[in-house]
Amino acid sequence: MPTSSHTTQPASRPNSKGGRKPAELLIDDLNRRLRRAHIANAILAIVLAIALVAVVALAFKQSNGQSEPTATQTTQADRAARHQQNDSMAVGDIDAPVTIVEWIDLRCPFCAAYANQTLPTILQNYVDTGKVRYEFHDVAFFGDQSVDAAVAARAAGEQGRYVEYLEALYAAAPESGHPDMPRDHLIAFAQTAKVPDMDRFTADLDRTDLRQAVQQSTTDAQQQGIDGVPGFLIGDKSVSGAQPVAAFSKIIDQQLQAAGH
């Protein structure tokens, strides 16, 4: 019998993409890649154009003496300030464009002169209008009674009467010399300042933590180079002594302008 031969043929598999040739598939793939590249280049060109416009605008502002303040820009006063919400030894908006830090000793006659003659105008014209944040930093350069007086002012401040206590104390200061600050005087100043709870105030005069805070504030001031009072940082300007209102106003206005206000 004749033998039948059976030849096994390789299995036939359909080409992808409907049987298109590999060369055609390669061309299609290249075309897709080119289209994506064109789109990416167009997007990049738009981004670069926007960036160029921003750079030109910034350069124009700077050439005209204008610069946008940023959150990272700080002045000497900003760096020295406590910047604490509900700070009993500070007045004014915590976000005011200019910060003033004053170092004071409550037995200092020049501090008293400034407080009586200049400070009220500064508070009215700049602090009450939201332009300045004003912080008091106490020091005890004239002995233990300076510490006692600063403790008393802090105790009054804890009842919301810090500035009022300073006003009462400095209003009674002599024109020269360092006044004595016995306990009965400190209590009398609190009464004048209308500290609401006098029993609490009197007890607070003996608080160790307040005394330590005054001593630490004195050490901090000395480490920052403060060796005389009153001393001030107004923005980036350092001022010493009881200057008149006009001198302080000029410096504050300059610092406001530098801050863009």
C-alpha atoms as a PDB file:
ATOM      1  CA  MET A   1       0.000   0.000   0.000  1.00  0.00           C
ATOM      2  CA  PRO A   2       1.195   3.372  -0.811  1.00  0.00           C
ATOM      3  CA  THR A   3       2.293   5.138   2.138  1.00  0.00           C
ATOM      4  CA  SER A   4       0.885   8.617   2.724  1.00  0.00           C
ATOM      5  CA  SER A   5       3.242  11.250   3.799  1.00  0.00           C
ATOM      6  CA  HIS A   6       2.049  14.020   6.151  1.00  0.00           C
ATOM      7  CA  THR A   7       3.973  17.273   6.257  1.00  0.00           C
ATOM      8  CA  THR A   8       3.459  19.433   9.249  1.00  0.00           C
ATOM      9  CA  GLN A   9       3.118  23.092   8.244  1.00  0.00           C
ATOM     10  CA  PRO A  10       4.060  25.825  10.659  1.00  0.00           C
ATOM     11  CA  ALA A  11       1.060  27.308  12.360  1.00  0.00           C
ATOM     12  CA  SER A  12      -0.135  30.524  10.803  1.00  0.00           C
ATOM     13  CA  ARG A  13      -0.597  33.467  13.277  1.00  0.00           C
ATOM     14  CA  PRO A  14      -2.180  36.717  12.268  1.00  0.00           C
ATOM     15  CA  ASN A  15       0.031  39.818  12.318  1.00  0.00           C
ATOM     16  CA  SER A  16      -0.976  42.464  14.864  1.00  0.00           C
ATOM     17  CA  LYS A  17      -2.711  45.608  13.601  1.00  0.00           C
ATOM     18  CA  GLY A  18      -4.751  43.690  11.123  1.00  0.00           C
ATOM     19  CA  GLY A  19      -1.870  41.928   9.515  1.00  0.00           C
ATOM     20  CA  ARG A  20       0.203  45.012   8.711  1.00  0.00           C
ATOM     21  CA  LYS A  21       3.830  44.604   7.939  1.00  0.00           C
ATOM     22  CA  PRO A  22       6.469  45.274  10.593  1.00  0.00           C
ATOM     23  CA  ALA A  23       7.903  48.190   8.619  1.00  0.00           C
ATOM     24  CA  GLU A  24       4.537  49.904   8.557  1.00  0.00           C
ATOM     25  CA  LEU A  25       4.142  49.389  12.279  1.00  0.00           C
ATOM     26  CA  LEU A  26       7.567  50.891  12.884  1.00  0.00           C
ATOM     27  CA  ILE A  27       6.688  53.953  10.825  1.00  0.00           C
ATOM     28  CA  ASP A  28       3.431  54.421  12.743  1.00  0.00           C
ATOM     29  CA  ASP A  29       5.280  54.142  16.051  1.00  0.00           C
ATOM     30  CA  LEU A  30       7.822  56.728  14.934  1.00  0.00           C
ATOM     31  CA  ASN A  31       5.044  59.077  13.859  1.00  0.00           C
ATOM     32  CA  ARG A  32       3.363  58.762  17.238  1.00  0.00           C
ATOM     33  CA  ARG A  33       6.630  59.491  19.003  1.00  0.00           C
ATOM     34  CA  LEU A  34       7.196  62.548  16.812  1.00  0.00           C
ATOM     35  CA  ARG A  35       3.708  63.875  17.571  1.00  0.00           C
ATOM     36  CA  ARG A  36       4.284  63.450  21.318  1.00  0.00           C
ATOM     37  CA  ALA A  37       7.657  65.192  21.000  1.00  0.00           C
ATOM     38  CA  HIS A  38       6.065  68.115  19.149  1.00  0.00           C
ATOM     39  CA  ILE A  39       3.413  68.464  21.872  1.00  0.00           C
ATOM     40  CA  ALA A  40       6.039  68.328  24.648  1.00  0.00           C
ATOM     41  CA  ASN A  41       8.165  70.931  22.889  1.00  0.00           C
ATOM     42  CA  ALA A  42       5.163  73.208  22.508  1.00  0.00           C
ATOM     43  CA  ILE A  43       4.348  72.928  26.231  1.00  0.00           C
ATOM     44  CA  LEU A  44       7.970  73.596  27.149  1.00  0.00           C
ATOM     45  CA  ALA A  45       8.012  76.658  24.897  1.00  0.00           C
ATOM     46  CA  ILE A  46       4.903  78.032  26.640  1.00  0.00           C
ATOM     47  CA  VAL A  47       6.398  77.471  30.108  1.00  0.00           C
ATOM     48  CA  LEU A  48       9.649  79.164  29.098  1.00  0.00           C
ATOM     49  CA  ALA A  49       7.743  82.115  27.664  1.00  0.00           C
ATOM     50  CA  ILE A  50       5.799  82.567  30.925  1.00  0.00           C
ATOM     51  CA  ALA A  51       9.004  82.358  32.950  1.00  0.00           C
ATOM     52  CA  LEU A  52      10.671  84.930  30.688  1.00  0.00           C
ATOM     53  CA  VAL A  53       7.774  87.340  31.153  1.00  0.00           C
ATOM     54  CA  ALA A  54       8.018  86.958  34.949  1.00  0.00           C
ATOM     55  CA  VAL A  55      11.774  87.598  34.925  1.00  0.00           C
ATOM     56  CA  VAL A  56      11.373  90.695  32.760  1.00  0.00           C
ATOM     57  CA  ALA A  57       8.607  92.038  35.033  1.00  0.00           C
ATOM     58  CA  LEU A  58      10.739  91.486  38.154  1.00  0.00           C
ATOM     59  CA  ALA A  59      13.735  93.170  36.562  1.00  0.00           C
ATOM     60  CA  PHE A  60      11.542  96.125  35.617  1.00  0.00           C
ATOM     61  CA  LYS A  61      10.302  96.497  39.197  1.00  0.00           C
ATOM     62  CA  GLN A  62      13.809  96.319  40.597  1.00  0.00           C
ATOM     63  CA  SER A  63      15.084  98.869  38.080  1.00  0.00           C
ATOM     64  CA  ASN A  64      12.411 101.250  39.333  1.00  0.00           C
ATOM     65  CA  GLY A  65      13.394 100.723  42.979  1.00  0.00           C
ATOM     66  CA  GLN A  66      10.479  98.411  43.700  1.00  0.00           C
ATOM     67  CA  SER A  67      10.775  95.026  45.330  1.00  0.00           C
ATOM     68  CA  GLU A  68       8.177  92.708  46.706  1.00  0.00           C
ATOM     69  CA  PRO A  69       8.647  91.933  50.409  1.00  0.00           C
ATOM     70  CA  THR A  70       8.715  88.225  51.176  1.00  0.00           C
ATOM     71  CA  ALA A  71       7.998  86.243  54.305  1.00  0.00           C
ATOM     72  CA  THR A  72      11.688  85.418  54.613  1.00  0.00           C
ATOM     73  CA  GLN A  73      12.776  89.047  54.736  1.00  0.00           C
ATOM     74  CA  THR A  74      13.428  90.070  58.344  1.00  0.00           C
ATOM     75  CA  THR A  75      14.937  93.087  60.028  1.00  0.00           C
ATOM     76  CA  GLN A  76      17.179  93.334  63.070  1.00  0.00           C
ATOM     77  CA  ALA A  77      14.148  94.198  65.182  1.00  0.00           C
ATOM     78  CA  ASP A  78      12.233  91.189  63.855  1.00  0.00           C
ATOM     79  CA  ARG A  79      15.087  88.909  64.841  1.00  0.00           C
ATOM     80  CA  ALA A  80      15.338  90.421  68.329  1.00  0.00           C
ATOM     81  CA  ALA A  81      11.587  90.442  68.958  1.00  0.00           C
ATOM     82  CA  ARG A  82       9.652  87.759  70.806  1.00  0.00           C
ATOM     83  CA  HIS A  83       6.743  87.807  68.313  1.00  0.00           C
ATOM     84  CA  GLN A  84       4.363  86.103  70.715  1.00  0.00           C
ATOM     85  CA  GLN A  85       0.599  86.315  70.516  1.00  0.00           C
ATOM     86  CA  ASN A  86      -0.961  87.837  73.635  1.00  0.00           C
ATOM     87  CA  ASP A  87       2.417  89.180  74.763  1.00  0.00           C
ATOM     88  CA  SER A  88       1.680  91.282  77.847  1.00  0.00           C
ATOM     89  CA  MET A  89       4.825  93.354  77.247  1.00  0.00           C
ATOM     90  CA  ALA A  90       3.975  94.286  73.660  1.00  0.00           C
ATOM     91  CA  VAL A  91       1.394  96.456  71.939  1.00  0.00           C
ATOM     92  CA  GLY A  92       0.220  96.679  68.356  1.00  0.00           C
ATOM     93  CA  ASP A  93      -0.561  94.284  65.545  1.00  0.00           C
ATOM     94  CA  ILE A  94       1.823  91.320  65.584  1.00  0.00           C
ATOM     95  CA  ASP A  95       1.816  91.452  61.760  1.00  0.00           C
ATOM     96  CA  ALA A  96       2.543  95.188  61.549  1.00  0.00           C
ATOM     97  CA  PRO A  97       5.068  96.059  58.811  1.00  0.00           C
ATOM     98  CA  VAL A  98       7.613  97.541  61.254  1.00  0.00           C
ATOM     99  CA  THR A  99       8.706  96.204  64.623  1.00  0.00           C
ATOM    100  CA  ILE A 100      10.226  98.350  67.371  1.00  0.00           C
ATOM    101  CA  VAL A 101      12.059  96.756  70.279  1.00  0.00           C
ATOM    102  CA  GLU A 102      12.883  98.977  73.259  1.00  0.00           C
ATOM    103  CA  TRP A 103      15.177  97.939  76.104  1.00  0.00           C
ATOM    104  CA  ILE A 104      14.233  99.668  79.341  1.00  0.00           C
ATOM    105  CA  ASP A 105      15.319  99.852  82.971  1.00  0.00           C
ATOM    106  CA  LEU A 106      12.527 101.137  85.168  1.00  0.00           C
ATOM    107  CA  ARG A 107      14.984 103.193  87.250  1.00  0.00           C
ATOM    108  CA  CYS A 108      16.525 104.880  84.191  1.00  0.00           C
ATOM    109  CA  PRO A 109      15.856 108.650  84.045  1.00  0.00           C
ATOM    110  CA  PHE A 110      16.312 108.764  80.259  1.00  0.00           C
ATOM    111  CA  CYS A 111      13.830 105.936  79.832  1.00  0.00           C
ATOM    112  CA  ALA A 112      11.410 108.021  81.884  1.00  0.00           C
ATOM    113  CA  ALA A 113      12.017 111.098  79.727  1.00  0.00           C
ATOM    114  CA  TYR A 114      11.355 109.126  76.555  1.00  0.00           C
ATOM    115  CA  ALA A 115       8.256 107.464  78.030  1.00  0.00           C
ATOM    116  CA  ASN A 116       6.813 110.802  79.138  1.00  0.00           C
ATOM    117  CA  GLN A 117       7.702 112.947  76.132  1.00  0.00           C
ATOM    118  CA  THR A 118       7.956 110.744  73.043  1.00  0.00           C
ATOM    119  CA  LEU A 119       6.340 107.336  73.502  1.00  0.00           C
ATOM    120  CA  PRO A 120       2.701 108.553  73.660  1.00  0.00           C
ATOM    121  CA  THR A 121       3.013 110.118  70.192  1.00  0.00           C
ATOM    122  CA  ILE A 122       4.660 107.007  68.758  1.00  0.00           C
ATOM    123  CA  LEU A 123       1.880 104.823  70.137  1.00  0.00           C
ATOM    124  CA  GLN A 124      -0.820 107.116  68.803  1.00  0.00           C
ATOM    125  CA  ASN A 125       0.630 107.725  65.331  1.00  0.00           C
ATOM    126  CA  TYR A 126       2.089 104.333  64.533  1.00  0.00           C
ATOM    127  CA  VAL A 127       0.966 101.572  66.915  1.00  0.00           C
ATOM    128  CA  ASP A 128      -2.718 102.486  67.116  1.00  0.00           C
ATOM    129  CA  THR A 129      -2.833 102.805  63.311  1.00  0.00           C
ATOM    130  CA  GLY A 130      -1.475  99.295  62.762  1.00  0.00           C
ATOM    131  CA  LYS A 131       1.868 100.375  61.315  1.00  0.00           C
ATOM    132  CA  VAL A 132       4.139  99.326  64.191  1.00  0.00           C
ATOM    133  CA  ARG A 133       4.450  96.451  66.608  1.00  0.00           C
ATOM    134  CA  TYR A 134       6.120  97.708  69.822  1.00  0.00           C
ATOM    135  CA  GLU A 135       7.850  95.365  72.273  1.00  0.00           C
ATOM    136  CA  PHE A 136       9.348  96.257  75.640  1.00  0.00           C
ATOM    137  CA  HIS A 137      12.366  94.236  76.802  1.00  0.00           C
ATOM    138  CA  ASP A 138      13.249  94.867  80.431  1.00  0.00           C
ATOM    139  CA  VAL A 139      16.775  94.958  81.856  1.00  0.00           C
ATOM    140  CA  ALA A 140      18.116  95.500  85.355  1.00  0.00           C
ATOM    141  CA  PHE A 141      21.242  97.604  84.939  1.00  0.00           C
ATOM    142  CA  PHE A 142      20.855  99.615  88.168  1.00  0.00           C
ATOM    143  CA  GLY A 143      20.713  97.036  90.916  1.00  0.00           C
ATOM    144  CA  ASP A 144      18.188  94.888  92.722  1.00  0.00           C
ATOM    145  CA  GLN A 145      15.535  97.579  92.778  1.00  0.00           C
ATOM    146  CA  SER A 146      15.591  97.590  88.983  1.00  0.00           C
ATOM    147  CA  VAL A 147      14.757  93.891  89.174  1.00  0.00           C
ATOM    148  CA  ASP A 148      11.989  94.593  91.712  1.00  0.00           C
ATOM    149  CA  ALA A 149      10.428  97.248  89.487  1.00  0.00           C
ATOM    150  CA  ALA A 150      10.604  95.051  86.392  1.00  0.00           C
ATOM    151  CA  VAL A 151       8.949  92.202  88.298  1.00  0.00           C
ATOM    152  CA  ALA A 152       6.187  94.581  89.354  1.00  0.00           C
ATOM    153  CA  ALA A 153       5.629  95.710  85.766  1.00  0.00           C
ATOM    154  CA  ARG A 154       5.452  92.103  84.592  1.00  0.00           C
ATOM    155  CA  ALA A 155       2.959  91.319  87.362  1.00  0.00           C
ATOM    156  CA  ALA A 156       0.815  94.242  86.208  1.00  0.00           C
ATOM    157  CA  GLY A 157       1.175  93.035  82.633  1.00  0.00           C
ATOM    158  CA  GLU A 158      -0.249  89.657  83.523  1.00  0.00           C
ATOM    159  CA  GLN A 159      -3.414  91.557  84.416  1.00  0.00           C
ATOM    160  CA  GLY A 160      -3.338  93.530  81.167  1.00  0.00           C
ATOM    161  CA  ARG A 161      -1.849  96.738  82.589  1.00  0.00           C
ATOM    162  CA  TYR A 162       1.828  96.687  81.569  1.00  0.00           C
ATOM    163  CA  VAL A 163       1.935  99.948  79.597  1.00  0.00           C
ATOM    164  CA  GLU A 164      -0.272 101.644  82.157  1.00  0.00           C
ATOM    165  CA  TYR A 165       2.120 100.569  84.900  1.00  0.00           C
ATOM    166  CA  LEU A 166       5.079 102.018  82.992  1.00  0.00           C
ATOM    167  CA  GLU A 167       3.173 105.267  82.547  1.00  0.00           C
ATOM    168  CA  ALA A 168       2.442 105.509  86.277  1.00  0.00           C
ATOM    169  CA  LEU A 169       5.999 104.653  87.298  1.00  0.00           C
ATOM    170  CA  TYR A 170       7.734 106.948  84.821  1.00  0.00           C
ATOM    171  CA  ALA A 171       5.345 109.817  85.531  1.00  0.00           C
ATOM    172  CA  ALA A 172       6.670 109.834  89.103  1.00  0.00           C
ATOM    173  CA  ALA A 173      10.345 109.684  88.072  1.00  0.00           C
ATOM    174  CA  PRO A 174      12.707 112.547  88.994  1.00  0.00           C
ATOM    175  CA  GLU A 175      14.417 114.542  86.248  1.00  0.00           C
ATOM    176  CA  SER A 176      17.747 112.917  87.066  1.00  0.00           C
ATOM    177  CA  GLY A 177      19.135 110.072  89.100  1.00  0.00           C
ATOM    178  CA  HIS A 178      17.862 106.578  89.715  1.00  0.00           C
ATOM    179  CA  PRO A 179      14.761 106.651  91.922  1.00  0.00           C
ATOM    180  CA  ASP A 180      14.299 104.258  94.812  1.00  0.00           C
ATOM    181  CA  MET A 181      11.722 101.551  94.224  1.00  0.00           C
ATOM    182  CA  PRO A 182      10.598 100.248  97.622  1.00  0.00           C
ATOM    183  CA  ARG A 183       7.725  97.821  97.773  1.00  0.00           C
ATOM    184  CA  ASP A 184       5.135 100.391  98.847  1.00  0.00           C
ATOM    185  CA  HIS A 185       5.978 102.542  95.788  1.00  0.00           C
ATOM    186  CA  LEU A 186       5.555  99.570  93.481  1.00  0.00           C
ATOM    187  CA  ILE A 187       2.136  98.862  94.978  1.00  0.00           C
ATOM    188  CA  ALA A 188       1.141 102.519  94.688  1.00  0.00           C
ATOM    189  CA  PHE A 189       2.061 102.533  90.976  1.00  0.00           C
ATOM    190  CA  ALA A 190      -0.180  99.497  90.486  1.00  0.00           C
ATOM    191  CA  GLN A 191      -3.059 101.313  92.109  1.00  0.00           C
ATOM    192  CA  THR A 192      -2.498 104.323  89.847  1.00  0.00           C
ATOM    193  CA  ALA A 193      -2.386 101.987  86.828  1.00  0.00           C
ATOM    194  CA  LYS A 194      -5.708 100.454  87.940  1.00  0.00           C
ATOM    195  CA  VAL A 195      -4.401  96.907  88.187  1.00  0.00           C
ATOM    196  CA  PRO A 196      -7.661  95.054  88.883  1.00  0.00           C
ATOM    197  CA  ASP A 197      -6.592  92.445  91.452  1.00  0.00           C
ATOM    198  CA  MET A 198      -4.270  94.105  93.931  1.00  0.00           C
ATOM    199  CA  ASP A 199      -4.016  91.075  96.214  1.00  0.00           C
ATOM    200  CA  ARG A 200      -2.796  88.987  93.308  1.00  0.00           C
ATOM    201  CA  PHE A 201      -0.418  91.745  92.245  1.00  0.00           C
ATOM    202  CA  THR A 202       1.091  92.034  95.721  1.00  0.00           C
ATOM    203  CA  ALA A 203       1.608  88.271  95.926  1.00  0.00           C
ATOM    204  CA  ASP A 204       3.192  88.242  92.454  1.00  0.00           C
ATOM    205  CA  LEU A 205       5.910  90.630  93.604  1.00  0.00           C
ATOM    206  CA  ASP A 206       7.510  87.632  95.334  1.00  0.00           C
ATOM    207  CA  ARG A 207       7.325  85.253  92.380  1.00  0.00           C
ATOM    208  CA  THR A 208      10.656  83.603  91.648  1.00  0.00           C
ATOM    209  CA  ASP A 209       9.784  82.920  88.009  1.00  0.00           C
ATOM    210  CA  LEU A 210       9.200  86.603  87.283  1.00  0.00           C
ATOM    211  CA  ARG A 211      12.500  87.564  88.889  1.00  0.00           C
ATOM    212  CA  GLN A 212      14.313  84.899  86.878  1.00  0.00           C
ATOM    213  CA  ALA A 213      12.641  86.147  83.694  1.00  0.00           C
ATOM    214  CA  VAL A 214      13.934  89.678  84.321  1.00  0.00           C
ATOM    215  CA  GLN A 215      17.426  88.386  84.984  1.00  0.00           C
ATOM    216  CA  GLN A 216      17.343  86.286  81.815  1.00  0.00           C
ATOM    217  CA  SER A 217      16.096  89.252  79.797  1.00  0.00           C
ATOM    218  CA  THR A 218      19.025  91.296  81.119  1.00  0.00           C
ATOM    219  CA  THR A 219      21.499  88.591  80.132  1.00  0.00           C
ATOM    220  CA  ASP A 220      19.949  88.302  76.672  1.00  0.00           C
ATOM    221  CA  ALA A 221      20.212  92.060  76.164  1.00  0.00           C
ATOM    222  CA  GLN A 222      23.859  92.109  77.152  1.00  0.00           C
ATOM    223  CA  GLN A 223      24.595  89.250  74.770  1.00  0.00           C
ATOM    224  CA  GLN A 224      22.996  91.298  71.997  1.00  0.00           C
ATOM    225  CA  GLY A 225      25.298  94.208  72.773  1.00  0.00           C
ATOM    226  CA  ILE A 226      22.824  96.364  74.698  1.00  0.00           C
ATOM    227  CA  ASP A 227      24.843  98.272  77.290  1.00  0.00           C
ATOM    228  CA  GLY A 228      22.743 101.401  77.750  1.00  0.00           C
ATOM    229  CA  VAL A 229      19.087 102.362  78.026  1.00  0.00           C
ATOM    230  CA  PRO A 230      16.857 103.295  76.488  1.00  0.00           C
ATOM    231  CA  GLY A 231      18.025 101.357  73.447  1.00  0.00           C
ATOM    232  CA  PHE A 232      15.959 100.693  70.350  1.00  0.00           C
ATOM    233  CA  LEU A 233      15.807  98.633  67.227  1.00  0.00           C
ATOM    234  CA  ILE A 234      13.433 100.197  64.705  1.00  0.00           C
ATOM    235  CA  GLY A 235      13.318  97.790  61.783  1.00  0.00           C
ATOM    236  CA  ASP A 236      16.938  97.698  60.661  1.00  0.00           C
ATOM    237  CA  LYS A 237      17.922 100.901  62.460  1.00  0.00           C
ATOM    238  CA  SER A 238      19.589 101.000  65.878  1.00  0.00           C
ATOM    239  CA  VAL A 239      18.882 104.039  68.061  1.00  0.00           C
ATOM    240  CA  SER A 240      20.292 104.985  71.455  1.00  0.00           C
ATOM    241  CA  GLY A 241      18.941 107.466  73.938  1.00  0.00           C
ATOM    242  CA  ALA A 242      15.795 109.503  74.459  1.00  0.00           C
ATOM    243  CA  GLN A 243      15.516 111.088  71.017  1.00  0.00           C
ATOM    244  CA  PRO A 244      12.717 113.587  70.260  1.00  0.00           C
ATOM    245  CA  VAL A 245       9.532 112.626  68.445  1.00  0.00           C
ATOM    246  CA  ALA A 246      10.728 114.044  65.117  1.00  0.00           C
ATOM    247  CA  ALA A 247      13.834 111.868  65.096  1.00  0.00           C
ATOM    248  CA  PHE A 248      11.869 108.691  65.822  1.00  0.00           C
ATOM    249  CA  SER A 249       9.149 109.567  63.306  1.00  0.00           C
ATOM    250  CA  LYS A 250      11.727 110.077  60.550  1.00  0.00           C
ATOM    251  CA  ILE A 251      13.309 106.674  61.192  1.00  0.00           C
ATOM    252  CA  ILE A 252       9.966 104.890  61.451  1.00  0.00           C
ATOM    253  CA  ASP A 253       8.772 106.451  58.182  1.00  0.00           C
ATOM    254  CA  GLN A 254      11.980 105.324  56.461  1.00  0.00           C
ATOM    255  CA  GLN A 255      11.531 101.782  57.737  1.00  0.00           C
ATOM    256  CA  LEU A 256       7.879 101.762  56.665  1.00  0.00           C
ATOM    257  CA  GLN A 257       8.931 102.826  53.183  1.00  0.00           C
ATOM    258  CA  ALA A 258      11.588 100.114  53.083  1.00  0.00           C
ATOM    259  CA  ALA A 259       8.888  97.609  54.047  1.00  0.00           C
ATOM    260  CA  GLY A 260       6.727  98.774  51.162  1.00  0.00           C
ATOM    261  CA  HIS A 261       4.287 100.892  53.179  1.00  0.00           C
END
